[in-house]
Amino acid sequence: HIASREQGDSGRVSLQRFVTGSWRSNMSYTVACNDPFQSLGATAATWAGYDIARACYHEREHVLFGSRPVNFIHDQYLVEVRDDELAHDRAMAVAEIMVAAAKRAIPDVTPKVEPLLCRYWSKDAKAVYKDGRLVPWPS
């Protein structure tokens, strides 16, 4: 399919994306082969970011209101939340928002999100539960 989309002698490819209907042009063959898959993940992540920010800044009754999205690293949102008894609920709310966005973008795939709490970001951070609720790592 990708080879049939090549434009003349340039070998460049233009494709219309699934879900959003947007176009991406002037891609090399290998980039065009990856784009249909990669763009779905990017769409899900973008929609999740919008929904997280909306909950943090606009939806006054949402448990995330007053929290701050501070970074997006590859496939994870770092959201600064208050370190209080609702921290677990806020982490779960971020996970729920991410799952809902992924279901809209990629309805045939069951998304999985593993929330965690930590007082500083680390690649070594792990989800820690106490009495069934997330607590900050390291505990």
N, C-alpha and C. Protein backbone atom coordinates (compact mmCIF):
# COMPACT_ATOMS: atom_id res chain seq x y z
N HIS A 1 0.83 -1.20 0.00
CA HIS A 1 0.00 0.00 0.00
C HIS A 1 0.87 1.26 0.00
N ILE A 2 1.89 1.28 0.83
CA ILE A 2 2.75 2.47 0.93
C ILE A 2 3.46 2.72 -0.40
N ALA A 3 4.00 1.66 -0.99
CA ALA A 3 4.71 1.83 -2.27
C ALA A 3 3.78 2.39 -3.34
N SER A 4 2.52 2.02 -3.29
CA SER A 4 1.57 2.53 -4.30
C SER A 4 1.26 4.01 -4.10
N ARG A 5 1.61 4.55 -2.94
CA ARG A 5 1.34 5.96 -2.63
C ARG A 5 2.53 6.87 -2.96
N GLU A 6 3.65 6.27 -3.40
CA GLU A 6 4.82 7.08 -3.72
C GLU A 6 4.50 8.05 -4.84
N GLN A 7 5.04 9.26 -4.71
CA GLN A 7 4.74 10.34 -5.66
C GLN A 7 5.89 10.50 -6.65
N GLY A 8 5.68 9.99 -7.87
CA GLY A 8 6.66 10.16 -8.93
C GLY A 8 8.01 9.58 -8.58
N ASP A 9 9.06 10.20 -9.10
CA ASP A 9 10.43 9.72 -8.90
C ASP A 9 11.00 10.12 -7.55
N SER A 10 10.28 10.96 -6.81
CA SER A 10 10.82 11.45 -5.53
C SER A 10 10.84 10.36 -4.46
N GLY A 11 9.97 9.38 -4.60
CA GLY A 11 9.86 8.33 -3.59
C GLY A 11 9.18 8.81 -2.31
N ARG A 12 8.69 10.04 -2.30
CA ARG A 12 8.03 10.59 -1.12
C ARG A 12 6.57 10.14 -1.10
N VAL A 13 6.01 10.07 0.09
CA VAL A 13 4.67 9.52 0.27
C VAL A 13 3.80 10.49 1.06
N SER A 14 2.52 10.56 0.68
CA SER A 14 1.49 11.29 1.43
C SER A 14 0.42 10.30 1.83
N LEU A 15 -0.04 10.39 3.07
CA LEU A 15 -1.08 9.49 3.56
C LEU A 15 -2.12 10.25 4.36
N GLN A 16 -3.36 9.79 4.24
CA GLN A 16 -4.41 10.30 5.11
C GLN A 16 -4.47 9.39 6.33
N ARG A 17 -4.49 9.99 7.49
CA ARG A 17 -4.44 9.23 8.74
C ARG A 17 -5.82 8.71 9.13
N PHE A 18 -5.78 7.55 9.82
CA PHE A 18 -7.00 6.98 10.38
C PHE A 18 -7.51 7.90 11.49
N VAL A 19 -8.72 7.77 11.84
CA VAL A 19 -9.38 8.44 12.96
C VAL A 19 -9.52 9.94 12.73
N THR A 20 -8.42 10.67 12.58
CA THR A 20 -8.51 12.13 12.48
C THR A 20 -8.77 12.59 11.05
N GLY A 21 -8.38 11.80 10.06
CA GLY A 21 -8.54 12.21 8.67
C GLY A 21 -7.49 13.22 8.22
N SER A 22 -6.55 13.57 9.08
CA SER A 22 -5.51 14.52 8.70
C SER A 22 -4.55 13.87 7.71
N TRP A 23 -3.82 14.72 6.98
CA TRP A 23 -2.85 14.24 6.01
C TRP A 23 -1.44 14.52 6.50
N ARG A 24 -0.53 13.60 6.18
CA ARG A 24 0.89 13.83 6.39
C ARG A 24 1.57 13.60 5.05
N SER A 25 2.37 14.56 4.66
CA SER A 25 2.97 14.53 3.32
C SER A 25 4.49 14.52 3.39
N ASN A 26 5.08 14.23 2.24
CA ASN A 26 6.52 14.30 2.03
C ASN A 26 7.30 13.37 2.96
N MET A 27 6.75 12.18 3.21
CA MET A 27 7.42 11.20 4.07
C MET A 27 8.28 10.26 3.24
N SER A 28 9.35 9.79 3.84
CA SER A 28 10.11 8.71 3.21
C SER A 28 9.30 7.43 3.33
N TYR A 29 9.71 6.41 2.61
CA TYR A 29 9.00 5.13 2.61
C TYR A 29 8.92 4.55 4.02
N THR A 30 10.04 4.51 4.74
CA THR A 30 10.03 3.89 6.07
C THR A 30 9.21 4.69 7.07
N VAL A 31 9.26 6.00 6.98
CA VAL A 31 8.44 6.83 7.86
C VAL A 31 6.95 6.60 7.55
N ALA A 32 6.63 6.51 6.27
CA ALA A 32 5.24 6.27 5.87
C ALA A 32 4.74 4.90 6.34
N CYS A 33 5.62 3.91 6.37
CA CYS A 33 5.23 2.60 6.88
C CYS A 33 4.90 2.64 8.37
N ASN A 34 5.60 3.46 9.12
CA ASN A 34 5.41 3.56 10.56
C ASN A 34 4.24 4.50 10.92
N ASP A 35 3.96 5.46 10.09
CA ASP A 35 3.02 6.53 10.44
C ASP A 35 1.62 6.03 10.80
N PRO A 36 1.00 5.10 10.07
CA PRO A 36 -0.36 4.69 10.46
C PRO A 36 -0.44 4.16 11.88
N PHE A 37 0.59 3.46 12.33
CA PHE A 37 0.61 2.96 13.70
C PHE A 37 0.96 4.06 14.69
N GLN A 38 2.05 4.76 14.42
CA GLN A 38 2.55 5.79 15.33
C GLN A 38 1.55 6.92 15.50
N SER A 39 0.88 7.28 14.43
CA SER A 39 -0.04 8.42 14.52
C SER A 39 -1.24 8.13 15.41
N LEU A 40 -1.65 6.86 15.49
CA LEU A 40 -2.76 6.52 16.39
C LEU A 40 -2.36 6.74 17.85
N GLY A 41 -1.16 6.31 18.20
CA GLY A 41 -0.67 6.54 19.56
C GLY A 41 -0.50 8.02 19.84
N ALA A 42 -0.02 8.77 18.87
CA ALA A 42 0.16 10.22 19.04
C ALA A 42 -1.20 10.91 19.21
N THR A 43 -2.18 10.45 18.45
CA THR A 43 -3.54 11.02 18.58
C THR A 43 -4.09 10.76 19.97
N ALA A 44 -3.96 9.52 20.44
CA ALA A 44 -4.45 9.18 21.79
C ALA A 44 -3.75 10.03 22.84
N ALA A 45 -2.44 10.18 22.73
CA ALA A 45 -1.68 10.96 23.71
C ALA A 45 -2.06 12.43 23.66
N THR A 46 -2.28 12.96 22.47
CA THR A 46 -2.67 14.36 22.33
C THR A 46 -4.04 14.61 22.95
N TRP A 47 -4.99 13.74 22.63
CA TRP A 47 -6.32 13.88 23.20
C TRP A 47 -6.28 13.76 24.73
N ALA A 48 -5.49 12.83 25.24
CA ALA A 48 -5.37 12.67 26.69
C ALA A 48 -4.80 13.93 27.32
N GLY A 49 -3.78 14.51 26.70
CA GLY A 49 -3.19 15.73 27.23
C GLY A 49 -4.19 16.86 27.32
N TYR A 50 -4.99 17.00 26.27
CA TYR A 50 -6.03 18.03 26.27
C TYR A 50 -7.02 17.78 27.41
N ASP A 51 -7.46 16.53 27.54
CA ASP A 51 -8.46 16.20 28.56
C ASP A 51 -7.91 16.35 29.98
N ILE A 52 -6.64 16.00 30.17
CA ILE A 52 -6.01 16.19 31.48
C ILE A 52 -5.93 17.68 31.81
N ALA A 53 -5.47 18.48 30.86
CA ALA A 53 -5.38 19.93 31.10
C ALA A 53 -6.75 20.53 31.38
N ARG A 54 -7.75 20.09 30.65
CA ARG A 54 -9.11 20.60 30.86
C ARG A 54 -9.58 20.29 32.29
N ALA A 55 -9.32 19.05 32.75
CA ALA A 55 -9.71 18.68 34.12
C ALA A 55 -8.94 19.50 35.16
N CYS A 56 -7.67 19.76 34.89
CA CYS A 56 -6.84 20.50 35.85
C CYS A 56 -7.18 21.99 35.92
N TYR A 57 -7.51 22.58 34.78
CA TYR A 57 -7.65 24.04 34.71
C TYR A 57 -9.08 24.55 34.56
N HIS A 58 -9.99 23.70 34.07
CA HIS A 58 -11.31 24.23 33.72
C HIS A 58 -12.46 23.60 34.50
N GLU A 59 -12.37 22.31 34.80
CA GLU A 59 -13.49 21.60 35.43
C GLU A 59 -13.37 21.68 36.95
N ARG A 60 -13.97 22.71 37.52
CA ARG A 60 -13.81 23.01 38.94
C ARG A 60 -14.21 21.87 39.88
N GLU A 61 -15.12 21.02 39.46
CA GLU A 61 -15.57 19.92 40.33
C GLU A 61 -14.74 18.66 40.15
N HIS A 62 -13.83 18.65 39.19
CA HIS A 62 -13.01 17.46 38.93
C HIS A 62 -11.94 17.31 40.00
N VAL A 63 -11.64 16.07 40.38
CA VAL A 63 -10.63 15.82 41.41
C VAL A 63 -9.25 16.34 40.99
N LEU A 64 -9.03 16.51 39.70
CA LEU A 64 -7.74 17.03 39.23
C LEU A 64 -7.67 18.55 39.22
N PHE A 65 -8.79 19.23 39.44
CA PHE A 65 -8.76 20.69 39.39
C PHE A 65 -7.73 21.23 40.37
N GLY A 66 -6.88 22.10 39.88
CA GLY A 66 -5.80 22.66 40.70
C GLY A 66 -4.48 21.92 40.55
N SER A 67 -4.53 20.75 39.92
CA SER A 67 -3.30 20.01 39.62
C SER A 67 -2.67 20.62 38.38
N ARG A 68 -1.43 20.25 38.09
CA ARG A 68 -0.71 20.85 36.97
C ARG A 68 -0.01 19.79 36.13
N PRO A 69 -0.38 19.66 34.84
CA PRO A 69 0.42 18.80 33.96
C PRO A 69 1.76 19.50 33.73
N VAL A 70 2.86 18.81 33.99
CA VAL A 70 4.17 19.45 33.90
C VAL A 70 5.08 18.87 32.82
N ASN A 71 4.79 17.65 32.35
CA ASN A 71 5.65 17.08 31.32
C ASN A 71 4.96 15.89 30.67
N PHE A 72 5.40 15.59 29.46
CA PHE A 72 4.98 14.39 28.75
C PHE A 72 6.26 13.74 28.26
N ILE A 73 6.53 12.54 28.76
CA ILE A 73 7.76 11.83 28.42
C ILE A 73 7.39 10.54 27.71
N HIS A 74 7.58 10.52 26.41
CA HIS A 74 7.34 9.39 25.52
C HIS A 74 5.89 8.92 25.53
N ASP A 75 5.43 8.35 26.62
CA ASP A 75 4.06 7.86 26.69
C ASP A 75 3.46 8.03 28.08
N GLN A 76 4.04 8.94 28.85
CA GLN A 76 3.53 9.15 30.20
C GLN A 76 3.38 10.64 30.50
N TYR A 77 2.28 10.95 31.16
CA TYR A 77 2.05 12.32 31.61
C TYR A 77 2.52 12.44 33.04
N LEU A 78 3.29 13.49 33.32
CA LEU A 78 3.66 13.82 34.68
C LEU A 78 2.75 14.96 35.11
N VAL A 79 1.97 14.70 36.13
CA VAL A 79 1.00 15.68 36.61
C VAL A 79 1.30 15.94 38.07
N GLU A 80 1.53 17.19 38.39
CA GLU A 80 1.79 17.58 39.76
C GLU A 80 0.46 17.68 40.50
N VAL A 81 0.32 16.87 41.56
CA VAL A 81 -0.91 16.86 42.35
C VAL A 81 -0.56 17.12 43.81
N ARG A 82 -1.56 17.53 44.57
CA ARG A 82 -1.33 17.74 46.00
C ARG A 82 -1.01 16.39 46.65
N ASP A 83 -0.09 16.41 47.60
CA ASP A 83 0.31 15.21 48.34
C ASP A 83 -0.59 15.12 49.56
N ASP A 84 -1.80 14.63 49.34
CA ASP A 84 -2.78 14.53 50.42
C ASP A 84 -3.58 13.24 50.26
N GLU A 85 -4.67 13.14 51.00
CA GLU A 85 -5.47 11.91 50.99
C GLU A 85 -6.14 11.64 49.64
N LEU A 86 -6.20 12.62 48.76
CA LEU A 86 -6.81 12.43 47.44
C LEU A 86 -5.78 12.16 46.34
N ALA A 87 -4.51 12.04 46.69
CA ALA A 87 -3.47 11.82 45.68
C ALA A 87 -3.75 10.55 44.87
N HIS A 88 -4.15 9.48 45.55
CA HIS A 88 -4.49 8.22 44.87
C HIS A 88 -5.61 8.47 43.85
N ASP A 89 -6.64 9.17 44.27
CA ASP A 89 -7.78 9.43 43.38
C ASP A 89 -7.36 10.26 42.17
N ARG A 90 -6.45 11.18 42.38
CA ARG A 90 -5.97 12.01 41.28
C ARG A 90 -5.15 11.17 40.29
N ALA A 91 -4.30 10.31 40.80
CA ALA A 91 -3.52 9.43 39.92
C ALA A 91 -4.45 8.53 39.11
N MET A 92 -5.46 8.00 39.75
CA MET A 92 -6.42 7.14 39.04
C MET A 92 -7.21 7.94 38.01
N ALA A 93 -7.52 9.19 38.31
CA ALA A 93 -8.24 10.04 37.35
C ALA A 93 -7.40 10.29 36.10
N VAL A 94 -6.10 10.53 36.27
CA VAL A 94 -5.22 10.70 35.11
C VAL A 94 -5.23 9.43 34.27
N ALA A 95 -5.13 8.27 34.92
CA ALA A 95 -5.15 6.99 34.21
C ALA A 95 -6.47 6.81 33.46
N GLU A 96 -7.58 7.13 34.10
CA GLU A 96 -8.90 7.00 33.45
C GLU A 96 -9.02 7.90 32.23
N ILE A 97 -8.51 9.10 32.34
CA ILE A 97 -8.54 10.03 31.20
C ILE A 97 -7.70 9.48 30.05
N MET A 98 -6.53 8.95 30.36
CA MET A 98 -5.66 8.40 29.32
C MET A 98 -6.32 7.20 28.64
N VAL A 99 -6.94 6.32 29.41
CA VAL A 99 -7.62 5.15 28.85
C VAL A 99 -8.78 5.59 27.96
N ALA A 100 -9.56 6.55 28.41
CA ALA A 100 -10.71 7.02 27.62
C ALA A 100 -10.24 7.63 26.29
N ALA A 101 -9.17 8.40 26.32
CA ALA A 101 -8.65 8.99 25.08
C ALA A 101 -8.15 7.90 24.13
N ALA A 102 -7.46 6.90 24.68
CA ALA A 102 -6.96 5.81 23.85
C ALA A 102 -8.10 5.01 23.23
N LYS A 103 -9.17 4.80 23.99
CA LYS A 103 -10.33 4.08 23.45
C LYS A 103 -10.98 4.84 22.29
N ARG A 104 -10.96 6.17 22.36
CA ARG A 104 -11.51 6.96 21.25
C ARG A 104 -10.63 6.87 20.02
N ALA A 105 -9.32 6.90 20.22
CA ALA A 105 -8.38 6.90 19.10
C ALA A 105 -8.15 5.50 18.53
N ILE A 106 -8.16 4.50 19.38
CA ILE A 106 -7.83 3.13 18.97
C ILE A 106 -8.87 2.19 19.58
N PRO A 107 -10.09 2.21 19.07
CA PRO A 107 -11.18 1.47 19.71
C PRO A 107 -11.01 -0.05 19.72
N ASP A 108 -10.19 -0.59 18.83
CA ASP A 108 -10.01 -2.04 18.77
C ASP A 108 -8.90 -2.57 19.67
N VAL A 109 -8.25 -1.67 20.40
CA VAL A 109 -7.15 -2.07 21.28
C VAL A 109 -7.55 -1.75 22.72
N THR A 110 -7.30 -2.69 23.62
CA THR A 110 -7.59 -2.45 25.03
C THR A 110 -6.39 -1.72 25.65
N PRO A 111 -6.56 -0.44 25.99
CA PRO A 111 -5.44 0.31 26.54
C PRO A 111 -5.15 -0.08 27.99
N LYS A 112 -3.89 0.07 28.36
CA LYS A 112 -3.47 -0.22 29.73
C LYS A 112 -2.63 0.94 30.23
N VAL A 113 -2.98 1.43 31.39
CA VAL A 113 -2.24 2.52 32.02
C VAL A 113 -1.89 2.09 33.44
N GLU A 114 -0.66 2.31 33.84
CA GLU A 114 -0.22 1.97 35.18
C GLU A 114 0.14 3.24 35.93
N PRO A 115 -0.81 3.79 36.69
CA PRO A 115 -0.52 5.03 37.42
C PRO A 115 0.42 4.77 38.60
N LEU A 116 1.13 5.81 38.97
CA LEU A 116 1.95 5.74 40.19
C LEU A 116 2.09 7.14 40.75
N LEU A 117 2.47 7.19 41.98
CA LEU A 117 2.74 8.46 42.65
C LEU A 117 4.21 8.47 43.06
N CYS A 118 4.86 9.60 42.90
CA CYS A 118 6.22 9.75 43.39
C CYS A 118 6.48 11.21 43.68
N ARG A 119 7.40 11.46 44.56
CA ARG A 119 7.70 12.84 44.96
C ARG A 119 8.76 13.46 44.05
N TYR A 120 9.40 12.64 43.24
CA TYR A 120 10.28 13.12 42.18
C TYR A 120 10.26 12.08 41.07
N TRP A 121 10.48 12.52 39.84
CA TRP A 121 10.43 11.61 38.71
C TRP A 121 11.69 10.77 38.65
N SER A 122 11.53 9.49 38.40
CA SER A 122 12.65 8.58 38.23
C SER A 122 12.21 7.44 37.34
N LYS A 123 13.11 6.97 36.47
CA LYS A 123 12.82 5.78 35.67
C LYS A 123 12.66 4.56 36.55
N ASP A 124 13.19 4.61 37.75
CA ASP A 124 13.11 3.49 38.68
C ASP A 124 11.81 3.47 39.47
N ALA A 125 10.99 4.51 39.36
CA ALA A 125 9.77 4.59 40.16
C ALA A 125 8.84 3.43 39.86
N LYS A 126 8.21 2.93 40.88
CA LYS A 126 7.26 1.83 40.78
C LYS A 126 5.98 2.20 41.52
N ALA A 127 4.88 1.62 41.09
CA ALA A 127 3.62 1.82 41.80
C ALA A 127 3.70 1.11 43.16
N VAL A 128 3.37 1.84 44.21
CA VAL A 128 3.39 1.28 45.56
C VAL A 128 1.99 1.44 46.14
N TYR A 129 1.43 0.33 46.61
CA TYR A 129 0.09 0.35 47.18
C TYR A 129 0.15 0.02 48.66
N LYS A 130 -0.66 0.70 49.43
CA LYS A 130 -0.82 0.41 50.85
C LYS A 130 -2.32 0.39 51.12
N ASP A 131 -2.80 -0.71 51.62
CA ASP A 131 -4.24 -0.87 51.87
C ASP A 131 -5.06 -0.59 50.61
N GLY A 132 -4.54 -1.05 49.46
CA GLY A 132 -5.27 -0.91 48.21
C GLY A 132 -5.23 0.47 47.56
N ARG A 133 -4.45 1.38 48.12
CA ARG A 133 -4.36 2.73 47.57
C ARG A 133 -2.90 3.06 47.23
N LEU A 134 -2.73 3.80 46.14
CA LEU A 134 -1.40 4.25 45.78
C LEU A 134 -0.84 5.17 46.85
N VAL A 135 0.44 4.98 47.13
CA VAL A 135 1.17 5.89 48.01
C VAL A 135 2.42 6.31 47.25
N PRO A 136 3.01 7.44 47.60
CA PRO A 136 4.18 7.90 46.86
C PRO A 136 5.38 6.94 46.96
N TRP A 137 6.04 6.75 45.84
CA TRP A 137 7.31 6.02 45.78
C TRP A 137 8.42 7.03 45.96
N PRO A 138 9.52 6.79 46.59
CA PRO A 138 9.74 5.60 47.41
C PRO A 138 9.01 5.75 48.74
N SER A 139 8.56 4.62 49.25
CA SER A 139 7.80 4.69 50.51
C SER A 139 8.61 4.15 51.66
